[in-house]
């Protein structure tokens, strides 16, 4: 369990560093950016801490995902994270938009069809 948490932290840090180093482009929102926005949510969705500053990240991501490709990319990233991160409480992750008063056009779930997100 500790090894999985350490591996997730290392992956999160690596993704944030890649996102920070990447030049700005008009391409879809990258998974590194999604992770960067939502990193304050990690304690909450892993049952290790309060909601804290998570909503600022959720709202920031919502504002950054302006186009359909951006929303689909964010959806695919969240779907992948939900499917591969065994210690994430999927109910808490799915409830983040409601907790933060943000209306996103899809459910955070491993079964979401991101091609239908507009």
Protein backbone atom coordinates (compact mmCIF):
# COMPACT_ATOMS: atom_id res chain seq x y z
CA UNK A 1 0.00 0.00 0.00
CA UNK A 2 2.81 2.41 0.89
CA UNK A 3 4.64 1.48 -2.30
CA UNK A 4 1.52 2.26 -4.35
CA UNK A 5 1.11 5.64 -2.66
CA UNK A 6 4.78 6.43 -3.25
CA UNK A 7 4.47 5.39 -6.91
CA UNK A 8 1.39 7.61 -7.32
CA UNK A 9 3.22 10.55 -5.78
CA UNK A 10 6.22 10.03 -8.06
CA UNK A 11 3.91 9.79 -11.10
CA UNK A 12 2.04 12.91 -10.00
CA UNK A 13 5.24 14.90 -9.54
CA UNK A 14 6.58 13.72 -12.91
CA UNK A 15 3.34 14.67 -14.65
CA UNK A 16 3.32 18.10 -13.04
CA UNK A 17 6.93 18.70 -14.08
CA UNK A 18 6.20 17.65 -17.66
CA UNK A 19 3.17 19.92 -17.76
CA UNK A 20 5.17 22.85 -16.38
CA UNK A 21 7.94 22.36 -18.93
CA UNK A 22 5.66 21.95 -21.94
CA UNK A 23 5.30 25.03 -24.13
CA UNK A 24 1.86 26.55 -24.41
CA UNK A 25 -0.05 25.30 -27.43
CA UNK A 26 -3.54 25.29 -28.83
CA UNK A 27 -3.78 21.51 -28.49
CA UNK A 28 -6.15 19.78 -26.12
CA UNK A 29 -5.54 20.00 -22.40
CA UNK A 30 -2.87 17.50 -21.37
CA UNK A 31 -3.20 14.93 -18.62
CA UNK A 32 -0.29 16.55 -16.80
CA UNK A 33 -2.28 19.77 -16.55
CA UNK A 34 -5.36 17.90 -15.34
CA UNK A 35 -3.29 16.22 -12.63
CA UNK A 36 -1.71 19.52 -11.70
CA UNK A 37 -5.10 21.17 -11.22
CA UNK A 38 -6.44 18.28 -9.18
CA UNK A 39 -3.38 17.42 -7.06
CA UNK A 40 -4.89 19.27 -4.04
CA UNK A 41 -7.76 16.73 -4.22
CA UNK A 42 -5.54 13.70 -3.69
CA UNK A 43 -5.79 13.64 0.14
CA UNK A 44 -9.58 13.92 -0.04
CA UNK A 45 -10.19 11.24 -2.69
CA UNK A 46 -7.79 8.82 -0.97
CA UNK A 47 -9.53 9.25 2.40
CA UNK A 48 -6.45 10.89 3.95
CA UNK A 49 -7.59 14.44 4.43
CA UNK A 50 -10.26 17.10 4.05
CA UNK A 51 -11.52 18.69 0.85
CA UNK A 52 -9.21 21.64 1.54
CA UNK A 53 -8.11 23.56 -1.57
CA UNK A 54 -9.45 20.90 -3.92
CA UNK A 55 -12.33 23.04 -5.18
CA UNK A 56 -9.95 25.73 -6.41
CA UNK A 57 -8.31 23.07 -8.59
CA UNK A 58 -11.64 21.69 -9.81
CA UNK A 59 -12.80 25.20 -10.74
CA UNK A 60 -9.45 25.96 -12.39
CA UNK A 61 -9.67 22.81 -14.49
CA UNK A 62 -13.26 23.61 -15.41
CA UNK A 63 -12.16 27.06 -16.60
CA UNK A 64 -9.19 25.66 -18.54
CA UNK A 65 -11.24 23.04 -20.41
CA UNK A 66 -12.96 25.48 -22.75
CA UNK A 67 -13.19 23.51 -25.98
CA UNK A 68 -14.67 20.09 -26.75
CA UNK A 69 -11.18 18.59 -27.30
CA UNK A 70 -10.07 20.01 -23.92
CA UNK A 71 -13.13 18.60 -22.13
CA UNK A 72 -12.65 15.21 -23.83
CA UNK A 73 -8.96 15.17 -22.92
CA UNK A 74 -9.76 16.04 -19.28
CA UNK A 75 -12.46 13.35 -19.26
CA UNK A 76 -10.08 10.73 -20.67
CA UNK A 77 -7.41 11.62 -18.13
CA UNK A 78 -9.85 11.45 -15.21
CA UNK A 79 -11.30 8.19 -16.54
CA UNK A 80 -7.83 6.67 -16.79
CA UNK A 81 -6.88 7.84 -13.31
CA UNK A 82 -10.13 6.50 -11.86
CA UNK A 83 -9.53 3.12 -13.52
CA UNK A 84 -5.87 2.69 -12.56
CA UNK A 85 -5.60 4.24 -9.11
CA UNK A 86 -6.72 1.53 -6.72
CA UNK A 87 -6.71 3.68 -3.60
CA UNK A 88 -9.00 6.43 -4.94
CA UNK A 89 -12.50 6.54 -3.47
CA UNK A 90 -14.51 6.63 -6.71
CA UNK A 91 -17.61 7.99 -4.94
CA UNK A 92 -15.66 10.95 -3.60
CA UNK A 93 -14.00 11.54 -7.00
CA UNK A 94 -17.36 11.41 -8.79
CA UNK A 95 -18.84 13.81 -6.22
CA UNK A 96 -16.15 16.48 -6.57
CA UNK A 97 -18.02 18.63 -9.12
CA UNK A 98 -21.12 18.76 -6.91
CA UNK A 99 -19.02 19.37 -3.76
CA UNK A 100 -17.34 22.28 -5.55
CA UNK A 101 -20.48 23.67 -7.22
CA UNK A 102 -19.16 23.01 -10.73
CA UNK A 103 -21.34 21.45 -13.42
CA UNK A 104 -19.17 19.31 -15.70
CA UNK A 105 -20.73 17.49 -18.69
CA UNK A 106 -19.65 13.98 -17.63
CA UNK A 107 -19.27 11.71 -14.62
CA UNK A 108 -15.81 11.01 -13.20
CA UNK A 109 -15.86 7.25 -13.59
CA UNK A 110 -13.89 4.44 -15.26
CA UNK A 111 -16.99 3.72 -17.39
CA UNK A 112 -17.53 7.24 -18.81
CA UNK A 113 -17.68 7.49 -22.61
CA UNK A 114 -15.57 10.58 -23.18
CA UNK A 115 -16.31 10.65 -26.93
CA UNK A 116 -19.82 11.88 -26.03
CA UNK A 117 -18.51 14.87 -24.04
CA UNK A 118 -19.13 18.15 -25.85
